Structures are given as structure tokens and as C-alpha cells.
Amino acid sequence: MPYVDGFVVAVPKKKLKAYAQLSKMVGKVWREHGALDYREWVADDVKPGKLTSFPQSVKLKAGETVVFAWITYKSRAQRDRINAKVMADPRLESMGKGDVPFDVKRMIYGGFTSLVKV
């Protein structure tokens, strides 16, 4: 059954180009290790809500935008194997040291099983 890791991050608009470069590199790493798809999308029509919203979920600050993304796998088991390889990949060392163009502490992420496909 398909499995997806999803995440939402706040990215400073002035660092969006650097973030895109990082995303291309990490997406390549995930795909090389077996992920079926890697996608990232920048907010275009995302407004703050009264109770919840994408901007509120990442505590969006002035000058930032929301990025929504997902990585697709064949199964949860495949995802676990791939993520173990990705986390051990030396190309991602800088991410563990906080050398990234976004605030990792405000990242929201999780794994999801398929519910509906139309």
C-alpha cells in the first residue's frame, strides 16, 4: 500500500532560492535511495485561519512563506528502509548541524497511509 511522508516548513522569502537548491539535492538523495516521488510546493493561496491554518501551524513570521511537501514510497516498510539510508547519507551531514535555510524547530512532519485514491 502506498505510503507518504509529509511536511510543512516556514522559509524566509529571502532564502527561498537557497531552500530550493537544498530541496533539489535532498530530493535527489531520497530518489536515489528508492523513494518513488519527492515534491515541494511554495504557498500561493494560504491565509491565516481563525483556529488553524498552514501559517499558524509553523508560526509563520513576517517575511516568511510556507512550503508544503511530500515523499512517496511503495509502503511503510520501504519508507523505513529508505529513510535509514537517507539519514546515513553523508550529503545530508550539514542538515544535522542546523546549516539549513529554514527553522527546523518549526517543521511539522509525519507519515501517512493511503485513505482515498480517485
PDB file of N, CA and C in Angstrom:
ATOM      1  N   MET A   1       0.843  -1.177   0.000  1.00  0.00           N
ATOM      2  CA  MET A   1       0.000   0.000   0.000  1.00  0.00           C
ATOM      3  C   MET A   1       0.890   1.243   0.000  1.00  0.00           C
ATOM      4  N   PRO A   2       0.594   2.245  -0.813  1.00  0.00           N
ATOM      5  CA  PRO A   2       1.423   3.460  -0.862  1.00  0.00           C
ATOM      6  C   PRO A   2       1.533   4.128   0.507  1.00  0.00           C
ATOM      7  N   TYR A   3       2.639   4.796   0.707  1.00  0.00           N
ATOM      8  CA  TYR A   3       2.903   5.500   1.968  1.00  0.00           C
ATOM      9  C   TYR A   3       3.528   6.843   1.635  1.00  0.00           C
ATOM     10  N   VAL A   4       3.189   7.866   2.415  1.00  0.00           N
ATOM     11  CA  VAL A   4       3.693   9.214   2.161  1.00  0.00           C
ATOM     12  C   VAL A   4       4.206   9.833   3.453  1.00  0.00           C
ATOM     13  N   ASP A   5       5.377  10.454   3.383  1.00  0.00           N
ATOM     14  CA  ASP A   5       5.839  11.349   4.435  1.00  0.00           C
ATOM     15  C   ASP A   5       5.488  12.750   3.975  1.00  0.00           C
ATOM     16  N   GLY A   6       4.852  13.519   4.843  1.00  0.00           N
ATOM     17  CA  GLY A   6       4.512  14.893   4.504  1.00  0.00           C
ATOM     18  C   GLY A   6       5.164  15.845   5.479  1.00  0.00           C
ATOM     19  N   PHE A   7       5.467  17.052   5.006  1.00  0.00           N
ATOM     20  CA  PHE A   7       5.992  18.063   5.921  1.00  0.00           C
ATOM     21  C   PHE A   7       5.649  19.468   5.474  1.00  0.00           C
ATOM     22  N   VAL A   8       5.637  20.357   6.457  1.00  0.00           N
ATOM     23  CA  VAL A   8       5.347  21.775   6.254  1.00  0.00           C
ATOM     24  C   VAL A   8       6.429  22.555   6.990  1.00  0.00           C
ATOM     25  N   VAL A   9       7.027  23.559   6.321  1.00  0.00           N
ATOM     26  CA  VAL A   9       8.062  24.388   6.937  1.00  0.00           C
ATOM     27  C   VAL A   9       7.827  25.852   6.608  1.00  0.00           C
ATOM     28  N   ALA A  10       8.351  26.706   7.457  1.00  0.00           N
ATOM     29  CA  ALA A  10       8.371  28.145   7.207  1.00  0.00           C
ATOM     30  C   ALA A  10       9.748  28.487   6.653  1.00  0.00           C
ATOM     31  N   VAL A  11       9.772  29.161   5.502  1.00  0.00           N
ATOM     32  CA  VAL A  11      11.037  29.512   4.862  1.00  0.00           C
ATOM     33  C   VAL A  11      11.089  31.023   4.671  1.00  0.00           C
ATOM     34  N   PRO A  12      12.165  31.672   5.126  1.00  0.00           N
ATOM     35  CA  PRO A  12      12.300  33.104   4.847  1.00  0.00           C
ATOM     36  C   PRO A  12      12.296  33.338   3.332  1.00  0.00           C
ATOM     37  N   LYS A  13      11.491  34.281   2.887  1.00  0.00           N
ATOM     38  CA  LYS A  13      11.385  34.545   1.444  1.00  0.00           C
ATOM     39  C   LYS A  13      12.745  34.868   0.837  1.00  0.00           C
ATOM     40  N   LYS A  14      13.605  35.555   1.585  1.00  0.00           N
ATOM     41  CA  LYS A  14      14.920  35.908   1.049  1.00  0.00           C
ATOM     42  C   LYS A  14      15.846  34.687   0.930  1.00  0.00           C
ATOM     43  N   LYS A  15      15.449  33.560   1.551  1.00  0.00           N
ATOM     44  CA  LYS A  15      16.249  32.336   1.475  1.00  0.00           C
ATOM     45  C   LYS A  15      15.572  31.261   0.626  1.00  0.00           C
ATOM     46  N   LEU A  16      14.513  31.626  -0.084  1.00  0.00           N
ATOM     47  CA  LEU A  16      13.764  30.632  -0.856  1.00  0.00           C
ATOM     48  C   LEU A  16      14.612  29.997  -1.957  1.00  0.00           C
ATOM     49  N   LYS A  17      15.475  30.765  -2.587  1.00  0.00           N
ATOM     50  CA  LYS A  17      16.334  30.210  -3.638  1.00  0.00           C
ATOM     51  C   LYS A  17      17.298  29.181  -3.036  1.00  0.00           C
ATOM     52  N   ALA A  18      17.902  29.506  -1.897  1.00  0.00           N
ATOM     53  CA  ALA A  18      18.809  28.562  -1.228  1.00  0.00           C
ATOM     54  C   ALA A  18      18.043  27.325  -0.769  1.00  0.00           C
ATOM     55  N   TYR A  19      16.814  27.542  -0.292  1.00  0.00           N
ATOM     56  CA  TYR A  19      15.986  26.411   0.133  1.00  0.00           C
ATOM     57  C   TYR A  19      15.690  25.494  -1.062  1.00  0.00           C
ATOM     58  N   ALA A  20      15.364  26.067  -2.210  1.00  0.00           N
ATOM     59  CA  ALA A  20      15.073  25.273  -3.409  1.00  0.00           C
ATOM     60  C   ALA A  20      16.292  24.456  -3.827  1.00  0.00           C
ATOM     61  N   GLN A  21      17.472  25.038  -3.726  1.00  0.00           N
ATOM     62  CA  GLN A  21      18.696  24.302  -4.062  1.00  0.00           C
ATOM     63  C   GLN A  21      18.891  23.126  -3.113  1.00  0.00           C
ATOM     64  N   LEU A  22      18.673  23.374  -1.830  1.00  0.00           N
ATOM     65  CA  LEU A  22      18.783  22.298  -0.841  1.00  0.00           C
ATOM     66  C   LEU A  22      17.745  21.219  -1.133  1.00  0.00           C
ATOM     67  N   SER A  23      16.531  21.620  -1.440  1.00  0.00           N
ATOM     68  CA  SER A  23      15.451  20.670  -1.715  1.00  0.00           C
ATOM     69  C   SER A  23      15.758  19.787  -2.916  1.00  0.00           C
ATOM     70  N   LYS A  24      16.338  20.376  -3.948  1.00  0.00           N
ATOM     71  CA  LYS A  24      16.701  19.581  -5.127  1.00  0.00           C
ATOM     72  C   LYS A  24      17.734  18.523  -4.753  1.00  0.00           C
ATOM     73  N   MET A  25      18.685  18.904  -3.911  1.00  0.00           N
ATOM     74  CA  MET A  25      19.720  17.964  -3.504  1.00  0.00           C
ATOM     75  C   MET A  25      19.129  16.849  -2.634  1.00  0.00           C
ATOM     76  N   VAL A  26      18.332  17.208  -1.622  1.00  0.00           N
ATOM     77  CA  VAL A  26      17.796  16.168  -0.746  1.00  0.00           C
ATOM     78  C   VAL A  26      16.778  15.308  -1.481  1.00  0.00           C
ATOM     79  N   GLY A  27      16.020  15.917  -2.398  1.00  0.00           N
ATOM     80  CA  GLY A  27      15.091  15.136  -3.205  1.00  0.00           C
ATOM     81  C   GLY A  27      15.813  14.095  -4.040  1.00  0.00           C
ATOM     82  N   LYS A  28      16.947  14.485  -4.581  1.00  0.00           N
ATOM     83  CA  LYS A  28      17.767  13.560  -5.364  1.00  0.00           C
ATOM     84  C   LYS A  28      18.253  12.412  -4.478  1.00  0.00           C
ATOM     85  N   VAL A  29      18.655  12.731  -3.258  1.00  0.00           N
ATOM     86  CA  VAL A  29      19.117  11.702  -2.324  1.00  0.00           C
ATOM     87  C   VAL A  29      17.983  10.710  -2.037  1.00  0.00           C
ATOM     88  N   TRP A  30      16.791  11.228  -1.725  1.00  0.00           N
ATOM     89  CA  TRP A  30      15.656  10.347  -1.436  1.00  0.00           C
ATOM     90  C   TRP A  30      15.341   9.455  -2.635  1.00  0.00           C
ATOM     91  N   ARG A  31      15.329  10.049  -3.827  1.00  0.00           N
ATOM     92  CA  ARG A  31      15.022   9.267  -5.034  1.00  0.00           C
ATOM     93  C   ARG A  31      16.099   8.213  -5.292  1.00  0.00           C
ATOM     94  N   GLU A  32      17.373   8.563  -5.108  1.00  0.00           N
ATOM     95  CA  GLU A  32      18.458   7.594  -5.308  1.00  0.00           C
ATOM     96  C   GLU A  32      18.342   6.408  -4.360  1.00  0.00           C
ATOM     97  N   HIS A  33      17.791   6.645  -3.172  1.00  0.00           N
ATOM     98  CA  HIS A  33      17.653   5.569  -2.189  1.00  0.00           C
ATOM     99  C   HIS A  33      16.330   4.822  -2.330  1.00  0.00           C
ATOM    100  N   GLY A  34      15.486   5.226  -3.308  1.00  0.00           N
ATOM    101  CA  GLY A  34      14.300   4.427  -3.604  1.00  0.00           C
ATOM    102  C   GLY A  34      12.948   5.088  -3.476  1.00  0.00           C
ATOM    103  N   ALA A  35      12.873   6.327  -3.015  1.00  0.00           N
ATOM    104  CA  ALA A  35      11.568   6.995  -2.944  1.00  0.00           C
ATOM    105  C   ALA A  35      10.979   7.097  -4.350  1.00  0.00           C
ATOM    106  N   LEU A  36       9.671   6.937  -4.447  1.00  0.00           N
ATOM    107  CA  LEU A  36       9.002   6.992  -5.744  1.00  0.00           C
ATOM    108  C   LEU A  36       8.854   8.418  -6.264  1.00  0.00           C
ATOM    109  N   ASP A  37       8.661   9.373  -5.352  1.00  0.00           N
ATOM    110  CA  ASP A  37       8.411  10.754  -5.749  1.00  0.00           C
ATOM    111  C   ASP A  37       8.817  11.671  -4.606  1.00  0.00           C
ATOM    112  N   TYR A  38       9.262  12.865  -4.958  1.00  0.00           N
ATOM    113  CA  TYR A  38       9.644  13.888  -3.971  1.00  0.00           C
ATOM    114  C   TYR A  38       9.139  15.208  -4.516  1.00  0.00           C
ATOM    115  N   ARG A  39       8.247  15.871  -3.788  1.00  0.00           N
ATOM    116  CA  ARG A  39       7.650  17.131  -4.264  1.00  0.00           C
ATOM    117  C   ARG A  39       7.633  18.178  -3.161  1.00  0.00           C
ATOM    118  N   GLU A  40       7.871  19.425  -3.561  1.00  0.00           N
ATOM    119  CA  GLU A  40       7.762  20.555  -2.633  1.00  0.00           C
ATOM    120  C   GLU A  40       7.015  21.674  -3.338  1.00  0.00           C
ATOM    121  N   TRP A  41       6.174  22.350  -2.590  1.00  0.00           N
ATOM    122  CA  TRP A  41       5.315  23.399  -3.127  1.00  0.00           C
ATOM    123  C   TRP A  41       5.371  24.620  -2.215  1.00  0.00           C
ATOM    124  N   VAL A  42       5.471  25.803  -2.801  1.00  0.00           N
ATOM    125  CA  VAL A  42       5.510  27.045  -2.025  1.00  0.00           C
ATOM    126  C   VAL A  42       4.100  27.652  -2.001  1.00  0.00           C
ATOM    127  N   ALA A  43       3.733  28.227  -0.859  1.00  0.00           N
ATOM    128  CA  ALA A  43       2.393  28.780  -0.666  1.00  0.00           C
ATOM    129  C   ALA A  43       2.073  29.851  -1.708  1.00  0.00           C
ATOM    130  N   ASP A  44       0.860  29.795  -2.201  1.00  0.00           N
ATOM    131  CA  ASP A  44       0.373  30.774  -3.167  1.00  0.00           C
ATOM    132  C   ASP A  44      -0.946  31.376  -2.675  1.00  0.00           C
ATOM    133  N   ASP A  45      -1.833  30.546  -2.160  1.00  0.00           N
ATOM    134  CA  ASP A  45      -3.129  30.993  -1.654  1.00  0.00           C
ATOM    135  C   ASP A  45      -3.343  30.357  -0.288  1.00  0.00           C
ATOM    136  N   VAL A  46      -2.578  30.819   0.692  1.00  0.00           N
ATOM    137  CA  VAL A  46      -2.599  30.245   2.038  1.00  0.00           C
ATOM    138  C   VAL A  46      -2.757  31.395   3.033  1.00  0.00           C
ATOM    139  N   LYS A  47      -3.945  31.491   3.599  1.00  0.00           N
ATOM    140  CA  LYS A  47      -4.241  32.591   4.517  1.00  0.00           C
ATOM    141  C   LYS A  47      -4.276  32.102   5.970  1.00  0.00           C
ATOM    142  N   PRO A  48      -3.948  32.980   6.905  1.00  0.00           N
ATOM    143  CA  PRO A  48      -4.083  32.606   8.319  1.00  0.00           C
ATOM    144  C   PRO A  48      -5.553  32.324   8.638  1.00  0.00           C
ATOM    145  N   GLY A  49      -5.808  31.317   9.443  1.00  0.00           N
ATOM    146  CA  GLY A  49      -7.175  30.986   9.827  1.00  0.00           C
ATOM    147  C   GLY A  49      -7.522  31.573  11.179  1.00  0.00           C
ATOM    148  N   LYS A  50      -8.749  31.322  11.606  1.00  0.00           N
ATOM    149  CA  LYS A  50      -9.173  31.781  12.930  1.00  0.00           C
ATOM    150  C   LYS A  50      -8.722  30.800  14.010  1.00  0.00           C
ATOM    151  N   LEU A  51      -8.755  29.505  13.681  1.00  0.00           N
ATOM    152  CA  LEU A  51      -8.341  28.492  14.650  1.00  0.00           C
ATOM    153  C   LEU A  51      -7.074  27.774  14.219  1.00  0.00           C
ATOM    154  N   THR A  52      -7.031  27.353  12.951  1.00  0.00           N
ATOM    155  CA  THR A  52      -5.856  26.650  12.440  1.00  0.00           C
ATOM    156  C   THR A  52      -5.612  27.042  10.990  1.00  0.00           C
ATOM    157  N   SER A  53      -4.383  26.876  10.555  1.00  0.00           N
ATOM    158  CA  SER A  53      -4.016  27.142   9.160  1.00  0.00           C
ATOM    159  C   SER A  53      -2.557  26.737   8.977  1.00  0.00           C
ATOM    160  N   PHE A  54      -2.130  26.681   7.725  1.00  0.00           N
ATOM    161  CA  PHE A  54      -0.717  26.397   7.471  1.00  0.00           C
ATOM    162  C   PHE A  54       0.176  27.469   8.102  1.00  0.00           C
ATOM    163  N   PRO A  55      -0.114  28.776   7.925  1.00  0.00           N
ATOM    164  CA  PRO A  55       0.746  29.775   8.566  1.00  0.00           C
ATOM    165  C   PRO A  55       0.810  29.626  10.090  1.00  0.00           C
ATOM    166  N   GLN A  56      -0.321  29.334  10.702  1.00  0.00           N
ATOM    167  CA  GLN A  56      -0.320  29.174  12.157  1.00  0.00           C
ATOM    168  C   GLN A  56       0.431  27.916  12.581  1.00  0.00           C
ATOM    169  N   SER A  57       0.350  26.875  11.785  1.00  0.00           N
ATOM    170  CA  SER A  57       0.979  25.609  12.171  1.00  0.00           C
ATOM    171  C   SER A  57       2.497  25.725  12.294  1.00  0.00           C
ATOM    172  N   VAL A  58       3.109  26.604  11.493  1.00  0.00           N
ATOM    173  CA  VAL A  58       4.563  26.777  11.540  1.00  0.00           C
ATOM    174  C   VAL A  58       4.965  28.092  12.199  1.00  0.00           C
ATOM    175  N   LYS A  59       3.989  28.756  12.820  1.00  0.00           N
ATOM    176  CA  LYS A  59       4.233  30.050  13.483  1.00  0.00           C
ATOM    177  C   LYS A  59       4.929  31.011  12.522  1.00  0.00           C
ATOM    178  N   LEU A  60       4.302  31.156  11.345  1.00  0.00           N
ATOM    179  CA  LEU A  60       4.855  31.982  10.280  1.00  0.00           C
ATOM    180  C   LEU A  60       5.136  33.403  10.765  1.00  0.00           C
ATOM    181  N   LYS A  61       6.314  33.904  10.423  1.00  0.00           N
ATOM    182  CA  LYS A  61       6.735  35.257  10.790  1.00  0.00           C
ATOM    183  C   LYS A  61       6.725  36.147   9.554  1.00  0.00           C
ATOM    184  N   ALA A  62       6.754  37.450   9.767  1.00  0.00           N
ATOM    185  CA  ALA A  62       6.828  38.391   8.646  1.00  0.00           C
ATOM    186  C   ALA A  62       8.052  38.064   7.797  1.00  0.00           C
ATOM    187  N   GLY A  63       7.879  38.108   6.479  1.00  0.00           N
ATOM    188  CA  GLY A  63       8.992  37.835   5.581  1.00  0.00           C
ATOM    189  C   GLY A  63       9.206  36.366   5.281  1.00  0.00           C
ATOM    190  N   GLU A  64       8.323  35.495   5.766  1.00  0.00           N
ATOM    191  CA  GLU A  64       8.428  34.063   5.520  1.00  0.00           C
ATOM    192  C   GLU A  64       7.264  33.584   4.656  1.00  0.00           C
ATOM    193  N   THR A  65       7.436  32.403   4.081  1.00  0.00           N
ATOM    194  CA  THR A  65       6.373  31.744   3.343  1.00  0.00           C
ATOM    195  C   THR A  65       6.311  30.287   3.780  1.00  0.00           C
ATOM    196  N   VAL A  66       5.215  29.634   3.453  1.00  0.00           N
ATOM    197  CA  VAL A  66       5.016  28.230   3.814  1.00  0.00           C
ATOM    198  C   VAL A  66       5.407  27.338   2.638  1.00  0.00           C
ATOM    199  N   VAL A  67       6.111  26.248   2.939  1.00  0.00           N
ATOM    200  CA  VAL A  67       6.402  25.217   1.945  1.00  0.00           C
ATOM    201  C   VAL A  67       5.766  23.925   2.436  1.00  0.00           C
ATOM    202  N   PHE A  68       5.039  23.279   1.534  1.00  0.00           N
ATOM    203  CA  PHE A  68       4.333  22.023   1.796  1.00  0.00           C
ATOM    204  C   PHE A  68       4.958  20.960   0.901  1.00  0.00           C
ATOM    205  N   ALA A  69       5.235  19.785   1.452  1.00  0.00           N
ATOM    206  CA  ALA A  69       5.956  18.790   0.665  1.00  0.00           C
ATOM    207  C   ALA A  69       5.555  17.376   1.037  1.00  0.00           C
ATOM    208  N   TRP A  70       5.898  16.449   0.126  1.00  0.00           N
ATOM    209  CA  TRP A  70       5.694  15.043   0.424  1.00  0.00           C
ATOM    210  C   TRP A  70       6.696  14.171  -0.317  1.00  0.00           C
ATOM    211  N   ILE A  71       6.914  13.002   0.258  1.00  0.00           N
ATOM    212  CA  ILE A  71       7.778  11.984  -0.339  1.00  0.00           C
ATOM    213  C   ILE A  71       6.939  10.711  -0.403  1.00  0.00           C
ATOM    214  N   THR A  72       6.877  10.082  -1.558  1.00  0.00           N
ATOM    215  CA  THR A  72       6.041   8.903  -1.749  1.00  0.00           C
ATOM    216  C   THR A  72       6.885   7.626  -1.802  1.00  0.00           C
ATOM    217  N   TYR A  73       6.369   6.582  -1.159  1.00  0.00           N
ATOM    218  CA  TYR A  73       7.025   5.279  -1.099  1.00  0.00           C
ATOM    219  C   TYR A  73       6.021   4.185  -1.460  1.00  0.00           C
ATOM    220  N   LYS A  74       6.521   2.979  -1.736  1.00  0.00           N
ATOM    221  CA  LYS A  74       5.640   1.842  -2.012  1.00  0.00           C
ATOM    222  C   LYS A  74       4.900   1.393  -0.758  1.00  0.00           C
ATOM    223  N   SER A  75       5.560   1.508   0.409  1.00  0.00           N
ATOM    224  CA  SER A  75       4.977   1.007   1.662  1.00  0.00           C
ATOM    225  C   SER A  75       5.667   1.655   2.856  1.00  0.00           C
ATOM    226  N   ARG A  76       5.110   1.466   4.028  1.00  0.00           N
ATOM    227  CA  ARG A  76       5.736   1.959   5.261  1.00  0.00           C
ATOM    228  C   ARG A  76       7.078   1.265   5.470  1.00  0.00           C
ATOM    229  N   ALA A  77       7.143  -0.027   5.198  1.00  0.00           N
ATOM    230  CA  ALA A  77       8.401  -0.763   5.369  1.00  0.00           C
ATOM    231  C   ALA A  77       9.482  -0.209   4.443  1.00  0.00           C
ATOM    232  N   GLN A  78       9.106   0.078   3.195  1.00  0.00           N
ATOM    233  CA  GLN A  78      10.062   0.655   2.255  1.00  0.00           C
ATOM    234  C   GLN A  78      10.505   2.033   2.744  1.00  0.00           C
ATOM    235  N   ARG A  79       9.570   2.815   3.234  1.00  0.00           N
ATOM    236  CA  ARG A  79       9.900   4.155   3.756  1.00  0.00           C
ATOM    237  C   ARG A  79      10.905   4.064   4.888  1.00  0.00           C
ATOM    238  N   ASP A  80      10.692   3.121   5.803  1.00  0.00           N
ATOM    239  CA  ASP A  80      11.607   2.977   6.936  1.00  0.00           C
ATOM    240  C   ASP A  80      13.017   2.607   6.468  1.00  0.00           C
ATOM    241  N   ARG A  81      13.114   1.705   5.489  1.00  0.00           N
ATOM    242  CA  ARG A  81      14.424   1.310   4.951  1.00  0.00           C
ATOM    243  C   ARG A  81      15.094   2.495   4.236  1.00  0.00           C
ATOM    244  N   ILE A  82      14.326   3.191   3.413  1.00  0.00           N
ATOM    245  CA  ILE A  82      14.863   4.326   2.652  1.00  0.00           C
ATOM    246  C   ILE A  82      15.302   5.438   3.595  1.00  0.00           C
ATOM    247  N   ASN A  83      14.478   5.780   4.568  1.00  0.00           N
ATOM    248  CA  ASN A  83      14.829   6.862   5.488  1.00  0.00           C
ATOM    249  C   ASN A  83      16.085   6.539   6.292  1.00  0.00           C
ATOM    250  N   ALA A  84      16.279   5.281   6.646  1.00  0.00           N
ATOM    251  CA  ALA A  84      17.515   4.896   7.354  1.00  0.00           C
ATOM    252  C   ALA A  84      18.728   5.163   6.467  1.00  0.00           C
ATOM    253  N   LYS A  85      18.616   4.830   5.190  1.00  0.00           N
ATOM    254  CA  LYS A  85      19.719   5.085   4.256  1.00  0.00           C
ATOM    255  C   LYS A  85      19.934   6.582   4.050  1.00  0.00           C
ATOM    256  N   VAL A  86      18.838   7.321   3.916  1.00  0.00           N
ATOM    257  CA  VAL A  86      18.933   8.772   3.700  1.00  0.00           C
ATOM    258  C   VAL A  86      19.607   9.436   4.903  1.00  0.00           C
ATOM    259  N   MET A  87      19.198   9.080   6.099  1.00  0.00           N
ATOM    260  CA  MET A  87      19.761   9.699   7.299  1.00  0.00           C
ATOM    261  C   MET A  87      21.240   9.385   7.461  1.00  0.00           C
ATOM    262  N   ALA A  88      21.701   8.289   6.877  1.00  0.00           N
ATOM    263  CA  ALA A  88      23.124   7.922   6.945  1.00  0.00           C
ATOM    264  C   ALA A  88      23.914   8.478   5.765  1.00  0.00           C
ATOM    265  N   ASP A  89      23.247   9.105   4.818  1.00  0.00           N
ATOM    266  CA  ASP A  89      23.915   9.609   3.619  1.00  0.00           C
ATOM    267  C   ASP A  89      24.774  10.828   3.976  1.00  0.00           C
ATOM    268  N   PRO A  90      26.052  10.822   3.649  1.00  0.00           N
ATOM    269  CA  PRO A  90      26.944  11.929   4.018  1.00  0.00           C
ATOM    270  C   PRO A  90      26.569  13.268   3.377  1.00  0.00           C
ATOM    271  N   ARG A  91      25.804  13.243   2.303  1.00  0.00           N
ATOM    272  CA  ARG A  91      25.395  14.508   1.675  1.00  0.00           C
ATOM    273  C   ARG A  91      24.441  15.317   2.542  1.00  0.00           C
ATOM    274  N   LEU A  92      23.873  14.686   3.562  1.00  0.00           N
ATOM    275  CA  LEU A  92      22.925  15.384   4.434  1.00  0.00           C
ATOM    276  C   LEU A  92      23.533  15.797   5.775  1.00  0.00           C
ATOM    277  N   GLU A  93      24.835  15.660   5.913  1.00  0.00           N
ATOM    278  CA  GLU A  93      25.502  15.999   7.175  1.00  0.00           C
ATOM    279  C   GLU A  93      25.214  17.425   7.637  1.00  0.00           C
ATOM    280  N   SER A  94      25.209  18.372   6.728  1.00  0.00           N
ATOM    281  CA  SER A  94      25.014  19.774   7.106  1.00  0.00           C
ATOM    282  C   SER A  94      23.641  20.015   7.720  1.00  0.00           C
ATOM    283  N   MET A  95      22.656  19.218   7.333  1.00  0.00           N
ATOM    284  CA  MET A  95      21.309  19.391   7.874  1.00  0.00           C
ATOM    285  C   MET A  95      21.282  19.086   9.362  1.00  0.00           C
ATOM    286  N   GLY A  96      22.060  18.104   9.785  1.00  0.00           N
ATOM    287  CA  GLY A  96      22.117  17.748  11.197  1.00  0.00           C
ATOM    288  C   GLY A  96      22.813  18.792  12.043  1.00  0.00           C
ATOM    289  N   LYS A  97      23.552  19.680  11.398  1.00  0.00           N
ATOM    290  CA  LYS A  97      24.277  20.730  12.112  1.00  0.00           C
ATOM    291  C   LYS A  97      23.516  22.053  12.092  1.00  0.00           C
ATOM    292  N   GLY A  98      22.290  22.023  11.594  1.00  0.00           N
ATOM    293  CA  GLY A  98      21.481  23.241  11.565  1.00  0.00           C
ATOM    294  C   GLY A  98      21.847  24.187  10.434  1.00  0.00           C
ATOM    295  N   ASP A  99      22.657  23.744   9.488  1.00  0.00           N
ATOM    296  CA  ASP A  99      23.085  24.591   8.372  1.00  0.00           C
ATOM    297  C   ASP A  99      22.064  24.515   7.234  1.00  0.00           C
ATOM    298  N   VAL A 100      20.848  25.007   7.499  1.00  0.00           N
ATOM    299  CA  VAL A 100      19.763  24.965   6.527  1.00  0.00           C
ATOM    300  C   VAL A 100      19.059  26.331   6.478  1.00  0.00           C
ATOM    301  N   PRO A 101      18.444  26.673   5.348  1.00  0.00           N
ATOM    302  CA  PRO A 101      17.814  27.989   5.203  1.00  0.00           C
ATOM    303  C   PRO A 101      16.381  28.069   5.733  1.00  0.00           C
ATOM    304  N   PHE A 102      16.084  27.357   6.812  1.00  0.00           N
ATOM    305  CA  PHE A 102      14.774  27.438   7.455  1.00  0.00           C
ATOM    306  C   PHE A 102      14.911  26.999   8.905  1.00  0.00           C
ATOM    307  N   ASP A 103      13.888  27.284   9.712  1.00  0.00           N
ATOM    308  CA  ASP A 103      13.916  26.944  11.134  1.00  0.00           C
ATOM    309  C   ASP A 103      13.399  25.520  11.327  1.00  0.00           C
ATOM    310  N   VAL A 104      14.298  24.582  11.531  1.00  0.00           N
ATOM    311  CA  VAL A 104      13.960  23.169  11.664  1.00  0.00           C
ATOM    312  C   VAL A 104      13.005  22.934  12.837  1.00  0.00           C
ATOM    313  N   LYS A 105      13.097  23.746  13.876  1.00  0.00           N
ATOM    314  CA  LYS A 105      12.260  23.571  15.068  1.00  0.00           C
ATOM    315  C   LYS A 105      10.779  23.785  14.777  1.00  0.00           C
ATOM    316  N   ARG A 106      10.470  24.526  13.712  1.00  0.00           N
ATOM    317  CA  ARG A 106       9.066  24.787  13.368  1.00  0.00           C
ATOM    318  C   ARG A 106       8.561  23.878  12.242  1.00  0.00           C
ATOM    319  N   MET A 107       9.330  22.866  11.892  1.00  0.00           N
ATOM    320  CA  MET A 107       8.929  21.918  10.857  1.00  0.00           C
ATOM    321  C   MET A 107       7.905  20.944  11.423  1.00  0.00           C
ATOM    322  N   ILE A 108       6.861  20.683  10.634  1.00  0.00           N
ATOM    323  CA  ILE A 108       5.847  19.700  11.005  1.00  0.00           C
ATOM    324  C   ILE A 108       5.960  18.553  10.008  1.00  0.00           C
ATOM    325  N   TYR A 109       5.999  17.328  10.486  1.00  0.00           N
ATOM    326  CA  TYR A 109       6.149  16.197   9.563  1.00  0.00           C
ATOM    327  C   TYR A 109       5.496  14.957  10.130  1.00  0.00           C
ATOM    328  N   GLY A 110       5.221  14.006   9.272  1.00  0.00           N
ATOM    329  CA  GLY A 110       4.663  12.740   9.702  1.00  0.00           C
ATOM    330  C   GLY A 110       4.440  11.809   8.537  1.00  0.00           C
ATOM    331  N   GLY A 111       4.159  10.549   8.849  1.00  0.00           N
ATOM    332  CA  GLY A 111       3.906   9.539   7.838  1.00  0.00           C
ATOM    333  C   GLY A 111       2.419   9.253   7.731  1.00  0.00           C
ATOM    334  N   PHE A 112       1.963   8.970   6.504  1.00  0.00           N
ATOM    335  CA  PHE A 112       0.543   8.785   6.242  1.00  0.00           C
ATOM    336  C   PHE A 112       0.288   7.573   5.358  1.00  0.00           C
ATOM    337  N   THR A 113      -0.741   6.799   5.699  1.00  0.00           N
ATOM    338  CA  THR A 113      -1.180   5.707   4.851  1.00  0.00           C
ATOM    339  C   THR A 113      -2.295   6.213   3.931  1.00  0.00           C
ATOM    340  N   SER A 114      -2.466   5.538   2.818  1.00  0.00           N
ATOM    341  CA  SER A 114      -3.462   5.926   1.823  1.00  0.00           C
ATOM    342  C   SER A 114      -4.878   5.710   2.358  1.00  0.00           C
ATOM    343  N   LEU A 115      -5.750   6.660   2.113  1.00  0.00           N
ATOM    344  CA  LEU A 115      -7.153   6.550   2.517  1.00  0.00           C
ATOM    345  C   LEU A 115      -8.058   6.501   1.287  1.00  0.00           C
ATOM    346  N   VAL A 116      -7.850   7.433   0.346  1.00  0.00           N
ATOM    347  CA  VAL A 116      -8.698   7.505  -0.835  1.00  0.00           C
ATOM    348  C   VAL A 116      -7.834   7.797  -2.055  1.00  0.00           C
ATOM    349  N   LYS A 117      -8.110   7.104  -3.140  1.00  0.00           N
ATOM    350  CA  LYS A 117      -7.476   7.397  -4.423  1.00  0.00           C
ATOM    351  C   LYS A 117      -8.586   7.405  -5.462  1.00  0.00           C
ATOM    352  N   VAL A 118      -8.741   8.499  -6.177  1.00  0.00           N
ATOM    353  CA  VAL A 118      -9.794   8.632  -7.173  1.00  0.00           C
ATOM    354  C   VAL A 118      -9.181   8.718  -8.553  1.00  0.00           C
TER     355      VAL A 118
END
